[in-house]
Each structure stands twice: as C-alpha cells, then as structure tokens.
Amino acid sequence: MAFNFDLNNIETLLSNTVLNATVGFASDFNYVREHAVHSAQLFVLPLADDNINTNEVPGLDEYQVKDVFAVMIVIPCSAGNATTDEQIKQLRSDIKTAVAGCQYAGWDAIKLDKGRTIELSKKTNNLIYQCQFSVTGIHTVAVRAMP
C-alpha cells in the first residue's frame, strides 16, 4: 500500500459509470477555475492527507493514512436556472452512487464527506460544485537505521 490513494482509480470508475459527463485532467484547482467548458466535465483532485502514528513496535511504525479528495463538477452556465439545478442534482447523485462505498486493496471503503457549490464564474461561465470524499488505510513502515 502506498501512502497516497491512487486517484486514477476514481477517474476510471467515473469514466465507466457517469455517462452524462466526461472526466477531464487538471493539475490543480486553478486550472479547473480558469478554463471554460462546453459540456459537463468532472475533475478528480487531491485535497489533503493526514498520517497518524498508531503503533510503535520496535523496527516498525504503523500509520493510519487518511486521504481527502474531491470530484469537481464543472458545467457551462451563465446564470443559475432550473436546467442547471437539475443537471447538478443528477451529477451529484451519480457521483455519490458511483464512488461512496467503493473499496480498493489496502484501503477502507470510501466515505462521502460533504458537497458544496464552489463558484459561478462570470469570466468562464462555469458553475463548479465539489463532492468531497475521504478514504483511510493502514500503512506499515520498517524503520531503517542510517549510518
């Protein structure tokens, strides 16, 4: 198990299950904010990680690793309206259904943390909504003596 959860798993999952949006690539949140979209797109971004030392056994350190990530829903929208509202509701539901509860080797089941509207940009005419998830796992590290 690696210290960081592999977000490629989530991108693949969303590509295969959410049919009314495409999964895009973004290096960070600023990229998502600055580029206009022409149809609904999803972006998977890391948000935070936390490593808590849970056990000290001579020669081994055990950590409870918690990774927090977001699935950003970006849709073209110049103003809030009923169509946009319905599209966001449907995409939120599809994403939560697809991701929440999934479990990958070495990690506990993914949990839904929260969701919120991030912004409605007049510059790009994008509405951005964030679905936030967390996943935990145990990682054991062998202590290495350095010369």
C-alpha atoms as a PDB file:
ATOM      1  CA  MET A   1       0.000   0.000   0.000  1.00  0.00           C
ATOM      2  CA  ALA A   2       1.252   3.464  -0.815  1.00  0.00           C
ATOM      3  CA  PHE A   3       0.889   6.475   1.470  1.00  0.00           C
ATOM      4  CA  ASN A   4      -1.271   8.228  -1.149  1.00  0.00           C
ATOM      5  CA  PHE A   5      -4.524   6.869  -2.527  1.00  0.00           C
ATOM      6  CA  ASP A   6      -4.366   6.405  -6.314  1.00  0.00           C
ATOM      7  CA  LEU A   7      -6.895   8.859  -7.768  1.00  0.00           C
ATOM      8  CA  ASN A   8      -6.577   7.196 -11.186  1.00  0.00           C
ATOM      9  CA  ASN A   9      -8.918   4.547  -9.731  1.00  0.00           C
ATOM     10  CA  ILE A  10     -11.606   7.192  -9.216  1.00  0.00           C
ATOM     11  CA  GLU A  11     -11.117   8.694 -12.679  1.00  0.00           C
ATOM     12  CA  THR A  12     -11.528   5.244 -14.258  1.00  0.00           C
ATOM     13  CA  LEU A  13     -14.577   4.500 -12.124  1.00  0.00           C
ATOM     14  CA  LEU A  14     -16.253   7.778 -13.087  1.00  0.00           C
ATOM     15  CA  SER A  15     -15.404   7.322 -16.778  1.00  0.00           C
ATOM     16  CA  ASN A  16     -17.155   3.949 -16.726  1.00  0.00           C
ATOM     17  CA  THR A  17     -20.213   4.872 -14.633  1.00  0.00           C
ATOM     18  CA  VAL A  18     -21.149   8.545 -15.099  1.00  0.00           C
ATOM     19  CA  LEU A  19     -22.401   8.734 -18.650  1.00  0.00           C
ATOM     20  CA  ASN A  20     -23.664  12.327 -18.827  1.00  0.00           C
ATOM     21  CA  ALA A  21     -20.251  13.962 -18.163  1.00  0.00           C
ATOM     22  CA  THR A  22     -16.676  13.441 -19.300  1.00  0.00           C
ATOM     23  CA  VAL A  23     -13.722  13.072 -16.963  1.00  0.00           C
ATOM     24  CA  GLY A  24     -11.033  15.672 -17.592  1.00  0.00           C
ATOM     25  CA  PHE A  25      -7.500  16.109 -16.312  1.00  0.00           C
ATOM     26  CA  ALA A  26      -6.449  19.043 -14.146  1.00  0.00           C
ATOM     27  CA  SER A  27      -3.191  19.528 -12.309  1.00  0.00           C
ATOM     28  CA  ASP A  28      -4.826  21.714  -9.649  1.00  0.00           C
ATOM     29  CA  PHE A  29      -7.951  23.673  -8.765  1.00  0.00           C
ATOM     30  CA  ASN A  30      -6.741  26.842 -10.500  1.00  0.00           C
ATOM     31  CA  TYR A  31      -6.723  25.010 -13.833  1.00  0.00           C
ATOM     32  CA  VAL A  32     -10.349  23.978 -13.266  1.00  0.00           C
ATOM     33  CA  ARG A  33     -11.377  27.547 -12.391  1.00  0.00           C
ATOM     34  CA  GLU A  34      -9.675  29.245 -15.340  1.00  0.00           C
ATOM     35  CA  HIS A  35     -10.833  27.114 -18.283  1.00  0.00           C
ATOM     36  CA  ALA A  36     -14.324  27.314 -19.720  1.00  0.00           C
ATOM     37  CA  VAL A  37     -16.111  24.053 -20.542  1.00  0.00           C
ATOM     38  CA  HIS A  38     -18.671  23.393 -23.271  1.00  0.00           C
ATOM     39  CA  SER A  39     -20.315  20.391 -21.630  1.00  0.00           C
ATOM     40  CA  ALA A  40     -20.342  18.834 -18.168  1.00  0.00           C
ATOM     41  CA  GLN A  41     -16.890  17.726 -17.018  1.00  0.00           C
ATOM     42  CA  LEU A  42     -15.606  16.027 -13.872  1.00  0.00           C
ATOM     43  CA  PHE A  43     -12.175  16.558 -12.345  1.00  0.00           C
ATOM     44  CA  VAL A  44     -10.675  14.478  -9.534  1.00  0.00           C
ATOM     45  CA  LEU A  45      -8.312  16.465  -7.306  1.00  0.00           C
ATOM     46  CA  PRO A  46      -6.464  15.679  -4.069  1.00  0.00           C
ATOM     47  CA  LEU A  47      -7.349  17.988  -1.185  1.00  0.00           C
ATOM     48  CA  ALA A  48      -5.443  16.822   1.900  1.00  0.00           C
ATOM     49  CA  ASP A  49      -3.821  13.904   3.617  1.00  0.00           C
ATOM     50  CA  ASP A  50      -3.200  13.099   7.256  1.00  0.00           C
ATOM     51  CA  ASN A  51      -0.934  10.441   8.710  1.00  0.00           C
ATOM     52  CA  ILE A  52      -1.382   9.440  12.359  1.00  0.00           C
ATOM     53  CA  ASN A  53       1.167   7.182  14.015  1.00  0.00           C
ATOM     54  CA  THR A  54      -0.970   4.474  15.673  1.00  0.00           C
ATOM     55  CA  ASN A  55       1.536   1.916  16.904  1.00  0.00           C
ATOM     56  CA  GLU A  56       5.195   1.883  17.782  1.00  0.00           C
ATOM     57  CA  VAL A  57       6.707  -1.570  17.611  1.00  0.00           C
ATOM     58  CA  PRO A  58      10.493  -1.773  17.621  1.00  0.00           C
ATOM     59  CA  GLY A  59      11.550  -1.750  13.995  1.00  0.00           C
ATOM     60  CA  LEU A  60       8.081  -0.843  12.599  1.00  0.00           C
ATOM     61  CA  ASP A  61       5.938   2.269  12.509  1.00  0.00           C
ATOM     62  CA  GLU A  62       2.257   1.923  11.721  1.00  0.00           C
ATOM     63  CA  TYR A  63       0.283   4.876  10.345  1.00  0.00           C
ATOM     64  CA  GLN A  64      -3.400   5.424   9.813  1.00  0.00           C
ATOM     65  CA  VAL A  65      -3.419   7.275   6.497  1.00  0.00           C
ATOM     66  CA  LYS A  66      -6.393   9.471   5.575  1.00  0.00           C
ATOM     67  CA  ASP A  67      -6.622  10.963   2.089  1.00  0.00           C
ATOM     68  CA  VAL A  68      -9.280  13.538   1.204  1.00  0.00           C
ATOM     69  CA  PHE A  69     -10.139  14.167  -2.435  1.00  0.00           C
ATOM     70  CA  ALA A  70     -12.790  15.978  -4.429  1.00  0.00           C
ATOM     71  CA  VAL A  71     -14.725  15.292  -7.570  1.00  0.00           C
ATOM     72  CA  MET A  72     -15.312  18.697  -9.114  1.00  0.00           C
ATOM     73  CA  ILE A  73     -18.402  19.026 -11.306  1.00  0.00           C
ATOM     74  CA  VAL A  74     -17.952  21.799 -13.867  1.00  0.00           C
ATOM     75  CA  ILE A  75     -20.843  22.749 -16.128  1.00  0.00           C
ATOM     76  CA  PRO A  76     -21.328  25.667 -18.509  1.00  0.00           C
ATOM     77  CA  CYS A  77     -23.781  28.136 -17.014  1.00  0.00           C
ATOM     78  CA  SER A  78     -24.113  31.910 -17.342  1.00  0.00           C
ATOM     79  CA  ALA A  79     -26.747  32.147 -14.576  1.00  0.00           C
ATOM     80  CA  GLY A  80     -28.466  29.786 -12.178  1.00  0.00           C
ATOM     81  CA  ASN A  81     -31.603  28.224 -13.640  1.00  0.00           C
ATOM     82  CA  ALA A  82     -33.813  25.143 -13.335  1.00  0.00           C
ATOM     83  CA  THR A  83     -31.915  23.225 -16.049  1.00  0.00           C
ATOM     84  CA  THR A  84     -28.584  23.807 -14.338  1.00  0.00           C
ATOM     85  CA  ASP A  85     -30.070  22.876 -10.980  1.00  0.00           C
ATOM     86  CA  GLU A  86     -31.393  19.573 -12.352  1.00  0.00           C
ATOM     87  CA  GLN A  87     -28.093  18.778 -14.069  1.00  0.00           C
ATOM     88  CA  ILE A  88     -26.104  19.375 -10.864  1.00  0.00           C
ATOM     89  CA  LYS A  89     -28.561  17.275  -8.814  1.00  0.00           C
ATOM     90  CA  GLN A  90     -28.291  14.377 -11.274  1.00  0.00           C
ATOM     91  CA  LEU A  91     -24.487  14.521 -11.478  1.00  0.00           C
ATOM     92  CA  ARG A  92     -24.150  14.745  -7.680  1.00  0.00           C
ATOM     93  CA  SER A  93     -26.344  11.696  -7.298  1.00  0.00           C
ATOM     94  CA  ASP A  94     -24.464   9.743  -9.990  1.00  0.00           C
ATOM     95  CA  ILE A  95     -21.064  10.566  -8.467  1.00  0.00           C
ATOM     96  CA  LYS A  96     -22.095   9.726  -4.905  1.00  0.00           C
ATOM     97  CA  THR A  97     -23.623   6.437  -6.054  1.00  0.00           C
ATOM     98  CA  ALA A  98     -20.512   5.530  -8.054  1.00  0.00           C
ATOM     99  CA  VAL A  99     -17.825   6.487  -5.516  1.00  0.00           C
ATOM    100  CA  ALA A 100     -19.218   6.212  -1.962  1.00  0.00           C
ATOM    101  CA  GLY A 101     -18.644   2.760  -0.519  1.00  0.00           C
ATOM    102  CA  CYS A 102     -16.098   1.610  -3.110  1.00  0.00           C
ATOM    103  CA  GLN A 103     -13.153  -0.207  -1.629  1.00  0.00           C
ATOM    104  CA  TYR A 104      -9.693  -0.741  -3.123  1.00  0.00           C
ATOM    105  CA  ALA A 105      -6.958  -3.090  -1.900  1.00  0.00           C
ATOM    106  CA  GLY A 106      -5.211  -1.779   1.206  1.00  0.00           C
ATOM    107  CA  TRP A 107      -7.844   0.896   1.865  1.00  0.00           C
ATOM    108  CA  ASP A 108     -11.143   1.077   3.752  1.00  0.00           C
ATOM    109  CA  ALA A 109     -14.363   1.925   1.933  1.00  0.00           C
ATOM    110  CA  ILE A 110     -14.558   5.466   0.533  1.00  0.00           C
ATOM    111  CA  LYS A 111     -16.754   7.808   2.572  1.00  0.00           C
ATOM    112  CA  LEU A 112     -18.699  10.829   1.416  1.00  0.00           C
ATOM    113  CA  ASP A 113     -17.616  13.879   3.439  1.00  0.00           C
ATOM    114  CA  LYS A 114     -19.555  16.847   2.073  1.00  0.00           C
ATOM    115  CA  GLY A 115     -20.545  18.754  -1.006  1.00  0.00           C
ATOM    116  CA  ARG A 116     -20.893  22.407  -1.826  1.00  0.00           C
ATOM    117  CA  THR A 117     -21.086  24.910  -4.632  1.00  0.00           C
ATOM    118  CA  ILE A 118     -17.663  26.480  -5.128  1.00  0.00           C
ATOM    119  CA  GLU A 119     -18.379  29.245  -7.613  1.00  0.00           C
ATOM    120  CA  LEU A 120     -20.366  30.577 -10.534  1.00  0.00           C
ATOM    121  CA  SER A 121     -17.760  32.356 -12.642  1.00  0.00           C
ATOM    122  CA  LYS A 122     -18.743  35.218 -14.926  1.00  0.00           C
ATOM    123  CA  LYS A 123     -15.304  35.024 -16.542  1.00  0.00           C
ATOM    124  CA  THR A 124     -15.661  31.415 -17.774  1.00  0.00           C
ATOM    125  CA  ASN A 125     -19.446  30.917 -17.380  1.00  0.00           C
ATOM    126  CA  ASN A 126     -18.711  27.792 -15.324  1.00  0.00           C
ATOM    127  CA  LEU A 127     -20.634  26.537 -12.341  1.00  0.00           C
ATOM    128  CA  ILE A 128     -18.348  24.456 -10.104  1.00  0.00           C
ATOM    129  CA  TYR A 129     -19.682  22.050  -7.488  1.00  0.00           C
ATOM    130  CA  GLN A 130     -17.449  19.929  -5.258  1.00  0.00           C
ATOM    131  CA  CYS A 131     -18.238  16.452  -3.904  1.00  0.00           C
ATOM    132  CA  GLN A 132     -15.679  15.674  -1.192  1.00  0.00           C
ATOM    133  CA  PHE A 133     -14.702  12.132  -0.179  1.00  0.00           C
ATOM    134  CA  SER A 134     -12.229  10.551   2.239  1.00  0.00           C
ATOM    135  CA  VAL A 135     -10.526   7.180   2.410  1.00  0.00           C
ATOM    136  CA  THR A 136      -8.379   5.648   5.159  1.00  0.00           C
ATOM    137  CA  GLY A 137      -5.912   2.792   5.334  1.00  0.00           C
ATOM    138  CA  ILE A 138      -3.130   1.392   7.493  1.00  0.00           C
ATOM    139  CA  HIS A 139       0.459   1.715   6.282  1.00  0.00           C
ATOM    140  CA  THR A 140       3.405  -0.023   7.979  1.00  0.00           C
ATOM    141  CA  VAL A 141       6.922   1.314   7.552  1.00  0.00           C
ATOM    142  CA  ALA A 142      10.084  -0.567   8.513  1.00  0.00           C
ATOM    143  CA  VAL A 143      12.479   1.628  10.470  1.00  0.00           C
ATOM    144  CA  ARG A 144      15.853   1.965   8.730  1.00  0.00           C
ATOM    145  CA  ALA A 145      18.985   2.829  10.654  1.00  0.00           C
ATOM    146  CA  MET A 146      21.055   5.425   8.823  1.00  0.00           C
ATOM    147  CA  PRO A 147      24.860   5.315   9.047  1.00  0.00           C
END
